[in-house]
Protein backbone atom coordinates (compact mmCIF):
# COMPACT_ATOMS: atom_id res chain seq x y z
CA UNK A 1 101.51 51.76 95.11
CA UNK A 2 101.42 48.78 92.51
CA UNK A 3 103.05 46.34 94.86
CA UNK A 4 100.55 47.09 97.48
CA UNK A 5 97.77 46.50 95.05
CA UNK A 6 99.61 43.22 93.95
CA UNK A 7 100.08 42.06 97.63
CA UNK A 8 96.30 42.75 98.23
CA UNK A 9 95.03 40.73 95.40
CA UNK A 10 97.40 37.84 96.30
CA UNK A 11 95.68 37.87 99.78
CA UNK A 12 92.27 37.97 98.14
CA UNK A 13 93.22 34.92 95.98
CA UNK A 14 94.43 33.02 99.08
CA UNK A 15 91.34 33.94 100.94
CA UNK A 16 89.17 32.53 98.17
CA UNK A 17 91.40 29.38 97.95
CA UNK A 18 92.94 30.11 94.44
CA UNK A 19 96.44 30.03 93.23
CA UNK A 20 97.79 32.47 90.77
CA UNK A 21 98.65 31.22 87.39
CA UNK A 22 102.60 31.38 86.92
CA UNK A 23 104.28 31.57 83.47
CA UNK A 24 106.40 28.41 82.52
CA UNK A 25 109.74 28.15 80.80
CA UNK A 26 108.75 27.36 77.17
CA UNK A 27 111.59 24.92 76.77
CA UNK A 28 110.75 22.74 79.78
CA UNK A 29 107.20 22.63 78.68
CA UNK A 30 108.25 21.27 75.43
CA UNK A 31 110.47 18.48 76.90
CA UNK A 32 107.58 17.78 79.27
CA UNK A 33 105.12 17.15 76.27
CA UNK A 34 107.76 15.06 74.52
CA UNK A 35 108.52 12.85 77.57
CA UNK A 36 104.55 12.57 78.15
CA UNK A 37 104.38 11.55 74.37
CA UNK A 38 107.40 8.86 74.56
CA UNK A 39 105.64 7.27 77.88
CA UNK A 40 102.44 7.00 75.92
CA UNK A 41 104.05 5.27 73.06
CA UNK A 42 105.94 2.78 75.31
CA UNK A 43 102.67 1.99 77.11
CA UNK A 44 101.00 1.16 73.89
CA UNK A 45 103.71 -0.90 72.56
CA UNK A 46 103.82 -2.87 75.86
CA UNK A 47 100.16 -3.49 75.53
CA UNK A 48 100.49 -4.78 71.82
CA UNK A 49 103.50 -7.14 72.90
CA UNK A 50 101.53 -8.60 75.65
CA UNK A 51 98.71 -9.06 73.46
CA UNK A 52 100.59 -10.66 70.73
CA UNK A 53 102.28 -12.98 73.25
CA UNK A 54 99.08 -14.50 73.93
CA UNK A 55 98.08 -15.27 70.34
CA UNK A 56 98.81 -18.99 69.21
CA UNK A 57 101.36 -19.39 66.51
CA UNK A 58 100.07 -20.27 63.22
CA UNK A 59 101.32 -23.04 60.88
CA UNK A 60 103.22 -20.69 59.12
CA UNK A 61 104.85 -19.00 62.03
CA UNK A 62 106.61 -22.39 62.52
CA UNK A 63 108.19 -22.49 59.02
CA UNK A 64 111.73 -21.73 59.12
CA UNK A 65 113.09 -19.85 56.14
CA UNK A 66 116.19 -20.83 54.48
CA UNK A 67 117.86 -17.65 55.38
CA UNK A 68 116.90 -18.02 58.96
CA UNK A 69 118.28 -21.51 58.87
CA UNK A 70 121.41 -20.39 57.52
CA UNK A 71 121.76 -17.41 59.87
CA UNK A 72 121.11 -19.71 62.66
CA UNK A 73 123.45 -22.30 61.64
CA UNK A 74 125.98 -19.63 61.11
CA UNK A 75 125.63 -18.35 64.54
CA UNK A 76 125.58 -21.77 66.25
CA UNK A 77 128.54 -22.74 64.11
CA UNK A 78 130.49 -19.86 65.28
CA UNK A 79 129.68 -20.58 68.92
CA UNK A 80 130.63 -24.21 68.65
CA UNK A 81 134.15 -23.44 66.93
CA UNK A 82 134.80 -21.28 69.76
CA UNK A 83 135.36 -24.15 72.09
CA UNK A 84 136.13 -26.67 69.57
CA UNK A 85 139.58 -28.56 69.92
CA UNK A 86 141.53 -29.12 67.00
CA UNK A 87 140.67 -32.64 65.77
CA UNK A 88 143.66 -35.10 65.37
CA UNK A 89 144.07 -36.19 61.81
CA UNK A 90 142.74 -39.62 61.13
CA UNK A 91 145.34 -41.91 59.63
CA UNK A 92 144.08 -43.64 56.56
CA UNK A 93 143.96 -47.52 56.79
CA UNK A 94 146.39 -49.37 54.61
CA UNK A 95 146.94 -53.10 54.28
CA UNK A 96 150.39 -52.77 55.71
CA UNK A 97 148.72 -52.35 59.15
CA UNK A 98 147.50 -55.76 58.62
CA UNK A 99 150.22 -58.05 58.84
CA UNK A 100 149.81 -61.79 58.16
CA UNK A 101 153.05 -63.77 57.87
CA UNK A 102 153.09 -66.32 55.09
CA UNK A 103 152.39 -70.09 56.25
CA UNK A 104 153.10 -73.18 54.12
CA UNK A 105 150.02 -74.91 53.00
CA UNK A 106 147.71 -71.71 53.56
CA UNK A 107 146.53 -68.83 51.53
CA UNK A 108 146.21 -65.45 52.96
CA UNK A 109 143.63 -62.89 51.59
CA UNK A 110 146.84 -60.66 50.95
CA UNK A 111 147.75 -63.03 48.14
CA UNK A 112 144.78 -62.04 46.01
CA UNK A 113 145.25 -58.32 45.96
CA UNK A 114 142.06 -57.34 47.25
CA UNK A 115 140.99 -53.72 47.61
CA UNK A 116 142.13 -51.94 50.79
CA UNK A 117 138.57 -51.33 51.77
CA UNK A 118 137.81 -54.86 51.68
CA UNK A 119 141.01 -55.92 53.40
CA UNK A 120 140.16 -53.57 56.14
CA UNK A 121 136.84 -55.51 56.82
CA UNK A 122 138.53 -58.68 56.59
CA UNK A 123 141.02 -57.41 59.02
CA UNK A 124 138.34 -56.24 61.33
CA UNK A 125 136.88 -59.76 61.33
CA UNK A 126 140.23 -61.26 62.34
CA UNK A 127 140.39 -63.37 59.15
CA UNK A 128 144.09 -64.13 58.50
CA UNK A 129 144.10 -67.18 56.29
CA UNK A 130 141.47 -68.59 53.82
CA UNK A 131 139.49 -71.69 54.55
CA UNK A 132 139.66 -74.54 52.05
CA UNK A 133 136.62 -73.46 49.80
CA UNK A 134 137.91 -69.78 50.03
CA UNK A 135 141.40 -70.71 48.99
CA UNK A 136 139.94 -73.14 46.23
CA UNK A 137 137.17 -70.74 44.58
CA UNK A 138 138.70 -67.13 44.84
CA UNK A 139 141.40 -67.75 42.21
CA UNK A 140 138.72 -68.58 39.72
CA UNK A 141 135.92 -66.26 41.06
CA UNK A 142 137.87 -63.22 41.12
CA UNK A 143 138.56 -63.65 37.49
CA UNK A 144 134.66 -63.55 36.78
CA UNK A 145 134.41 -67.26 36.22
CA UNK A 146 131.32 -69.53 37.01
CA UNK A 147 132.15 -71.65 40.04
CA UNK A 148 130.33 -74.63 41.66
CA UNK A 149 131.31 -75.71 45.13
CA UNK A 150 130.23 -78.75 47.04
CA UNK A 151 130.50 -77.31 50.61
CA UNK A 152 128.30 -77.24 53.50
CA UNK A 153 127.22 -74.52 56.00
CA UNK A 154 130.25 -73.71 58.23
CA UNK A 155 133.03 -74.07 55.61
CA UNK A 156 133.44 -70.26 54.86
CA UNK A 157 131.66 -70.37 51.61
CA UNK A 158 129.56 -67.31 52.53
CA UNK A 159 132.65 -65.14 52.89
CA UNK A 160 134.00 -66.69 49.51
CA UNK A 161 131.04 -65.40 47.29
CA UNK A 162 130.64 -62.06 49.11
CA UNK A 163 134.44 -61.44 48.78
CA UNK A 164 134.11 -62.24 45.08
CA UNK A 165 131.03 -60.01 44.70
CA UNK A 166 132.39 -56.97 46.71
CA UNK A 167 135.74 -57.03 45.02
CA UNK A 168 134.13 -56.98 41.47
CA UNK A 169 131.95 -54.07 42.59
CA UNK A 170 134.91 -51.98 44.11
CA UNK A 171 136.82 -52.65 40.86
CA UNK A 172 133.99 -51.59 38.66
CA UNK A 173 131.95 -48.90 40.53
CA UNK A 174 128.86 -47.33 38.88
CA UNK A 175 127.91 -43.81 40.18
CA UNK A 176 124.59 -43.69 41.80
CA UNK A 177 123.34 -41.19 39.37
CA UNK A 178 123.73 -43.72 36.67
CA UNK A 179 121.75 -46.38 38.53
CA UNK A 180 117.90 -47.08 38.99
CA UNK A 181 116.17 -48.06 42.28
CA UNK A 182 114.93 -51.72 41.97
CA UNK A 183 117.93 -53.05 40.00
CA UNK A 184 120.53 -54.86 42.35
CA UNK A 185 124.07 -55.67 40.93
CA UNK A 186 124.18 -59.02 42.71
CA UNK A 187 121.34 -61.32 43.90
CA UNK A 188 121.96 -64.10 46.60
CA UNK A 189 119.26 -66.62 46.97
CA UNK A 190 119.13 -68.91 49.98
CA UNK A 191 116.35 -71.25 51.22
CA UNK A 192 115.68 -70.16 54.64
CA UNK A 193 115.09 -66.79 56.42
CA UNK A 194 117.78 -67.52 58.88
CA UNK A 195 120.57 -68.08 56.23
CA UNK A 196 118.99 -64.93 54.48
CA UNK A 197 119.73 -62.97 57.67
CA UNK A 198 123.09 -64.40 58.23
CA UNK A 199 124.31 -63.74 54.72
CA UNK A 200 123.11 -60.29 54.83
CA UNK A 201 124.76 -59.82 58.33
CA UNK A 202 127.89 -61.01 56.97
CA UNK A 203 127.71 -58.68 53.86
CA UNK A 204 127.25 -55.68 56.16
CA UNK A 205 130.36 -56.50 57.90
CA UNK A 206 132.30 -57.00 54.74
CA UNK A 207 131.17 -53.89 53.09
CA UNK A 208 131.67 -51.71 56.26
CA UNK A 209 134.14 -49.47 54.75
CA UNK A 210 132.51 -49.24 51.31
CA UNK A 211 129.66 -47.40 49.95
CA UNK A 212 127.91 -50.63 48.71
CA UNK A 213 124.30 -51.09 49.96
CA UNK A 214 123.02 -54.46 51.05
CA UNK A 215 119.57 -55.38 51.67
CA UNK A 216 117.47 -58.54 52.16
CA UNK A 217 113.99 -59.58 51.49
CA UNK A 218 112.16 -62.64 52.98
CA UNK A 219 108.68 -63.80 54.42
CA UNK A 220 107.63 -62.96 57.78
CA UNK A 221 108.99 -59.30 57.54
CA UNK A 222 106.83 -56.32 56.67
CA UNK A 223 106.07 -56.49 53.31
CA UNK A 224 105.31 -52.71 52.61
CA UNK A 225 108.62 -51.88 54.28
CA UNK A 226 110.52 -53.99 51.87
CA UNK A 227 108.48 -53.02 48.94
CA UNK A 228 109.25 -49.38 49.64
CA UNK A 229 112.94 -49.75 50.16
CA UNK A 230 113.25 -51.64 46.88
CA UNK A 231 111.36 -48.95 44.82
CA UNK A 232 113.14 -46.04 46.52
CA UNK A 233 116.56 -47.16 47.15
CA UNK A 234 119.72 -48.15 45.38
CA UNK A 235 120.72 -51.70 46.30
CA UNK A 236 123.96 -53.22 45.22
CA UNK A 237 123.76 -56.86 46.96
CA UNK A 238 120.24 -58.31 47.28
CA UNK A 239 119.73 -61.20 49.38
CA UNK A 240 116.30 -63.11 49.20
CA UNK A 241 114.31 -66.24 49.76
CA UNK A 242 112.70 -67.52 46.56
CA UNK A 243 108.98 -66.84 47.59
CA UNK A 244 109.32 -63.30 48.63
CA UNK A 245 111.60 -62.48 45.56
CA UNK A 246 108.90 -63.89 43.33
CA UNK A 247 106.23 -61.54 44.95
CA UNK A 248 108.29 -58.62 44.17
CA UNK A 249 109.00 -59.65 40.66
CA UNK A 250 105.30 -59.97 40.28
CA UNK A 251 104.52 -56.65 41.36
CA UNK A 252 107.56 -55.15 39.22
CA UNK A 253 109.23 -53.70 42.44
CA UNK A 254 112.43 -55.16 41.57
CA UNK A 255 114.18 -56.02 38.26
CA UNK A 256 116.92 -58.49 37.73
CA UNK A 257 118.18 -57.63 34.16
CA UNK A 258 121.09 -55.80 35.47
CA UNK A 259 122.26 -58.55 37.75
CA UNK A 260 126.02 -59.24 37.23
CA UNK A 261 126.62 -61.86 39.81
CA UNK A 262 124.00 -64.57 40.80
CA UNK A 263 124.77 -66.68 43.76
CA UNK A 264 122.59 -69.85 44.67
CA UNK A 265 123.31 -71.03 48.06
CA UNK A 266 122.30 -74.66 49.28
CA UNK A 267 120.83 -75.60 46.10
CA UNK A 268 120.05 -79.20 47.43
CA UNK A 269 118.10 -77.64 50.33
CA UNK A 270 116.11 -75.57 47.92
CA UNK A 271 115.31 -78.71 46.04
CA UNK A 272 114.18 -80.60 48.88
CA UNK A 273 111.97 -77.75 49.91
CA UNK A 274 110.31 -77.39 46.63
CA UNK A 275 111.70 -74.00 45.65
CA UNK A 276 113.45 -74.95 42.35
CA UNK A 277 110.44 -73.87 40.14
CA UNK A 278 110.51 -70.53 41.78
CA UNK A 279 114.32 -70.37 41.36
CA UNK A 280 113.87 -71.26 37.70
CA UNK A 281 111.33 -68.31 37.39
CA UNK A 282 113.81 -65.95 39.07
CA UNK A 283 116.61 -67.01 36.83
CA UNK A 284 114.72 -66.39 33.75
CA UNK A 285 114.64 -62.56 34.89
CA UNK A 286 118.34 -62.46 35.01
CA UNK A 287 120.74 -62.04 32.18
CA UNK A 288 121.42 -65.20 30.14
CA UNK A 289 124.12 -67.56 30.88
CA UNK A 290 127.56 -66.20 30.00
CA UNK A 291 126.55 -62.63 30.52
CA UNK A 292 126.72 -63.01 34.33
CA UNK A 293 128.76 -64.77 36.72
CA UNK A 294 126.94 -67.67 38.53
CA UNK A 295 128.40 -69.05 41.81
CA UNK A 296 126.39 -72.21 43.01
CA UNK A 297 126.93 -74.07 46.22
CA UNK A 298 125.31 -77.22 47.39
CA UNK A 299 126.19 -79.79 50.06
CA UNK A 300 125.18 -82.63 48.05
CA UNK A 301 124.93 -83.24 44.13
CA UNK A 302 122.48 -85.73 42.94
CA UNK A 303 121.16 -85.84 39.37
CA UNK A 304 118.49 -83.20 39.87
CA UNK A 305 121.13 -80.67 41.28
CA UNK A 306 123.64 -81.48 38.40
CA UNK A 307 120.79 -80.89 35.70
CA UNK A 308 120.26 -77.38 37.35
CA UNK A 309 124.10 -76.82 37.24
CA UNK A 310 124.39 -77.58 33.56
CA UNK A 311 121.55 -75.17 32.75
CA UNK A 312 122.70 -72.24 34.90
CA UNK A 313 126.32 -72.20 34.38
CA UNK A 314 128.94 -71.96 31.75
CA UNK A 315 132.43 -73.46 31.89
CA UNK A 316 132.22 -73.42 35.53
CA UNK A 317 135.04 -74.69 37.70
CA UNK A 318 133.86 -77.53 40.24
CA UNK A 319 135.47 -77.75 43.90
CA UNK A 320 134.55 -80.27 46.44
CA UNK A 321 135.03 -79.64 50.03
CA UNK A 322 134.27 -81.67 52.84
CA UNK A 323 135.61 -79.63 55.81
CA UNK A 324 132.68 -80.04 57.92
CA UNK A 325 132.92 -83.91 58.11
CA UNK A 326 136.66 -83.30 59.15
CA UNK A 327 135.38 -81.01 62.01
CA UNK A 328 133.63 -83.97 63.56
CA UNK A 329 137.09 -84.96 64.77
CA UNK A 330 136.64 -82.02 67.38
CA UNK A 331 133.41 -83.20 68.45
CA UNK A 332 133.09 -86.18 71.11
CA UNK A 333 130.02 -88.17 69.97
CA UNK A 334 127.95 -90.46 71.90
CA UNK A 335 124.73 -92.26 71.27
CA UNK A 336 122.52 -93.16 74.15
CA UNK A 337 120.48 -96.34 73.52
CA UNK A 338 117.10 -95.51 75.19
CA UNK A 339 113.37 -96.41 74.88
CA UNK A 340 111.00 -93.63 73.60
CA UNK A 341 109.58 -93.12 76.81
CA UNK A 342 113.04 -92.61 78.49
CA UNK A 343 114.40 -89.99 76.23
CA UNK A 344 112.71 -86.83 77.78
CA UNK A 345 113.95 -87.78 81.29
CA UNK A 346 117.37 -88.58 80.29
CA UNK A 347 117.99 -85.35 78.36
CA UNK A 348 116.67 -83.15 81.18
CA UNK A 349 118.74 -84.97 83.67
CA UNK A 350 121.80 -84.85 81.58
CA UNK A 351 121.30 -81.05 81.18
CA UNK A 352 120.78 -80.30 84.81
CA UNK A 353 123.73 -82.78 86.12
CA UNK A 354 126.24 -81.60 83.65
CA UNK A 355 125.64 -77.90 83.75
CA UNK A 356 125.23 -77.36 80.17
CA UNK A 357 125.66 -73.69 79.42
CA UNK A 358 124.82 -73.39 75.95
CA UNK A 359 123.34 -76.26 73.82
CA UNK A 360 121.08 -76.78 70.60
CA UNK A 361 118.68 -79.75 70.72
CA UNK A 362 117.49 -80.94 67.13
CA UNK A 363 114.19 -82.72 66.57
CA UNK A 364 112.60 -84.23 63.47
CA UNK A 365 108.92 -83.23 64.50
CA UNK A 366 107.52 -79.90 65.51
CA UNK A 367 105.09 -81.55 67.96
CA UNK A 368 108.11 -83.06 69.79
CA UNK A 369 110.34 -80.12 69.87
CA UNK A 370 107.36 -78.01 71.08
CA UNK A 371 106.80 -80.58 74.06
CA UNK A 372 110.59 -80.74 74.79
CA UNK A 373 110.93 -76.87 74.89
CA UNK A 374 107.87 -76.51 77.40
CA UNK A 375 109.25 -79.35 79.55
CA UNK A 376 112.82 -78.00 79.78
CA UNK A 377 111.49 -74.56 80.42
CA UNK A 378 109.49 -75.75 83.47
CA UNK A 379 112.71 -76.86 84.88
CA UNK A 380 113.74 -73.25 85.43
CA UNK A 381 116.14 -73.50 82.40
CA UNK A 382 116.08 -70.54 79.73
CA UNK A 383 114.90 -72.65 76.68
CA UNK A 384 113.39 -71.46 73.37
CA UNK A 385 111.90 -73.04 70.25
CA UNK A 386 113.06 -72.24 66.74
CA UNK A 387 110.97 -73.96 64.16
CA UNK A 388 108.91 -72.97 60.95
CA UNK A 389 105.87 -72.31 63.17
CA UNK A 390 107.34 -69.63 65.15
CA UNK A 391 106.62 -66.10 63.67
CA UNK A 392 109.68 -64.53 61.98
CA UNK A 393 109.91 -61.58 64.40
CA UNK A 394 110.10 -63.95 67.53
CA UNK A 395 112.69 -66.33 65.55
CA UNK A 396 115.07 -63.20 65.10
CA UNK A 397 114.49 -62.37 68.71
CA UNK A 398 115.28 -65.92 69.70
CA UNK A 399 118.22 -66.17 67.86
CA UNK A 400 119.79 -62.76 69.23
CA UNK A 401 118.93 -64.04 72.75
CA UNK A 402 120.73 -67.38 72.20
CA UNK A 403 123.77 -65.32 70.65
CA UNK A 404 124.13 -63.15 73.84
CA UNK A 405 123.57 -65.78 76.29
CA UNK A 406 119.99 -64.83 77.35
CA UNK A 407 118.79 -68.10 76.15
CA UNK A 408 120.76 -71.31 77.61
CA UNK A 409 118.96 -73.95 75.41
CA UNK A 410 117.68 -73.81 71.75
CA UNK A 411 115.37 -76.51 70.55
CA UNK A 412 115.30 -76.48 66.66
CA UNK A 413 114.13 -78.26 63.63
CA UNK A 414 116.61 -78.93 60.80
CA UNK A 415 115.30 -76.35 58.44
CA UNK A 416 115.15 -73.56 61.21
CA UNK A 417 118.55 -74.82 62.62
CA UNK A 418 120.30 -74.06 58.97
CA UNK A 419 120.72 -70.56 59.94
CA UNK A 420 122.28 -70.87 63.25
CA UNK A 421 125.90 -69.61 63.39
CA UNK A 422 126.91 -69.10 67.09
CA UNK A 423 130.29 -69.66 68.58
CA UNK A 424 130.70 -71.45 72.02
CA UNK A 425 127.95 -74.14 71.70
CA UNK A 426 129.26 -76.63 73.89
CA UNK A 427 126.75 -79.39 73.21
CA UNK A 428 124.44 -80.60 70.52
CA UNK A 429 121.62 -83.13 71.22
CA UNK A 430 120.03 -85.20 68.55
CA UNK A 431 116.59 -86.02 70.21
CA UNK A 432 115.82 -87.98 66.97
CA UNK A 433 118.53 -89.53 64.62
CA UNK A 434 118.08 -87.73 61.21
CA UNK A 435 116.87 -89.70 58.41
CA UNK A 436 119.47 -88.03 56.13
CA UNK A 437 123.06 -88.58 57.30
CA UNK A 438 124.15 -85.27 55.96
CA UNK A 439 121.80 -83.67 58.37
CA UNK A 440 123.61 -85.28 61.16
CA UNK A 441 126.90 -83.94 60.10
CA UNK A 442 125.22 -80.54 59.95
CA UNK A 443 123.79 -80.77 63.26
CA UNK A 444 126.88 -81.64 65.01
CA UNK A 445 128.78 -78.86 63.03
CA UNK A 446 127.05 -76.47 65.45
CA UNK A 447 129.59 -77.23 68.04
CA UNK A 448 133.40 -77.81 67.94
CA UNK A 449 133.82 -74.76 65.78
CA UNK A 450 136.74 -72.49 65.26
CA UNK A 451 139.01 -75.39 66.77
CA UNK A 452 137.16 -75.78 69.94
CA UNK A 453 136.00 -78.99 71.18
CA UNK A 454 132.38 -79.87 71.37
CA UNK A 455 129.99 -82.84 72.59
CA UNK A 456 127.46 -84.55 70.42
CA UNK A 457 124.66 -86.59 72.43
CA UNK A 458 122.27 -88.78 70.16
CA UNK A 459 119.30 -90.82 71.17
CA UNK A 460 118.76 -93.99 69.41
CA UNK A 461 115.34 -95.62 70.49
CA UNK A 462 113.17 -98.55 68.77
CA UNK A 463 111.93 -95.88 66.14
CA UNK A 464 115.27 -94.80 64.60
CA UNK A 465 118.06 -97.18 65.70
CA UNK A 466 117.85 -98.77 62.39
CA UNK A 467 119.44 -95.46 60.86
CA UNK A 468 122.73 -96.00 62.75
CA UNK A 469 124.67 -98.23 60.20
CA UNK A 470 123.90 -95.83 57.31
CA UNK A 471 125.03 -93.10 59.44
CA UNK A 472 128.29 -94.55 60.63
CA UNK A 473 129.21 -95.25 57.07
CA UNK A 474 128.48 -91.62 55.86
CA UNK A 475 130.83 -90.11 58.47
CA UNK A 476 133.36 -93.03 57.92
CA UNK A 477 133.66 -94.06 61.79
CA UNK A 478 131.80 -96.11 64.43
CA UNK A 479 129.78 -94.34 66.95
CA UNK A 480 130.12 -94.99 70.62
CA UNK A 481 126.81 -96.50 71.64
CA UNK A 482 126.15 -96.89 75.20
CA UNK A 483 123.35 -96.94 77.81
CA UNK A 484 122.70 -93.84 79.85
CA UNK A 485 123.84 -94.06 83.53
CA UNK A 486 121.15 -95.06 86.02
CA UNK A 487 120.99 -91.36 87.37
CA UNK A 488 119.86 -90.12 84.16
CA UNK A 489 117.13 -92.51 83.87
CA UNK A 490 115.48 -91.58 87.15
CA UNK A 491 112.52 -89.47 87.25
């Protein structure tokens, strides 16, 4: 009976479009609820993640904590170590690897018991035997004595005073924590920017395997950059032109009371250029005579230079080296007798007809060198000017271009030419004869270097032919004076 009533009610509900409510399992209901709750949380989290990814990171979010850096370094280090191959052991360099056989009449760098780190650099540079100025000076200077050398550029004097300075510092190191910035241990003064740059370059090469710090200051270079370096960095060897160094002494950005080695290079040239008053002021900031080592080099010694020597040195050993004059034997020297109007035509034709690859043309006046450079450049020859009126940054670029072969012909004045140290210069032209015979020797010394032969062509016209007798007397030989071939004089 009850079944019939139930069936009747079911049909009635179906007729009315209703479904009877059925009981659900309690456990399944709970599971469903939990599932719905989980889905809701995931959806909310997804929305939050999406929203946060659209927010720009603040400054603080870019700062890595030390812990995160250490963790990152640790993980990356592990990853790298997984794929690293075991490194081969680097054999420590010893002087035994640098074999130079003794040779009669020559001094080896081995003979001076130099520090291995210094010998390593000397080996890298291929120096086997000392030049005359090096052989003569090192026995005295390595003992800490003052030294005066009569020697010109190209004799190896730069390496002589640098080796002395570096060896002294390696034997007597001072930890950086006991040092102050602005207090160099060695000061090298030179008259021109080019010479300062060359000395600095040589110093970097010779200190390559040491911790010694080399720096230079000179005019024409960023003043503030140099000032910051002097104030903030420890410098062992400072190379400077007098003018810029005076500026930094005045502003108290450098102090010279701890200088152990003072080098004055080309003292005669500094005298000629009017730098001696500045040099005297600089020396007054140094330790007194007898408490420092002073090394002075000059190509000539007149009374003025000798007076400076007496005031700045104590019991100094004097050595005279005339090596560069002897190198003129390697230079074929010719003098063309021409008129003033012919010089420009002859030199341009000579360069073109003889296929001159790398040459330096010296002139006495800036206006002449400028006109000469412009004329040669118009012939399609890569030619550049090096004189005092050229900005320093451009002079540096010009020298580099000449060294690497991008520039074929360099037109220079004597002062600017002092810093030119380039191998394989095939020709030197003296567009004007120099008034000082010593300048002639210096000029032609730019070619015929390292045992190679070179060629020197000088022009003697009605304005300077009278200088020839004194020049020939100075070099101790008669020059081959001739008239240029007709092909050279044709315009």
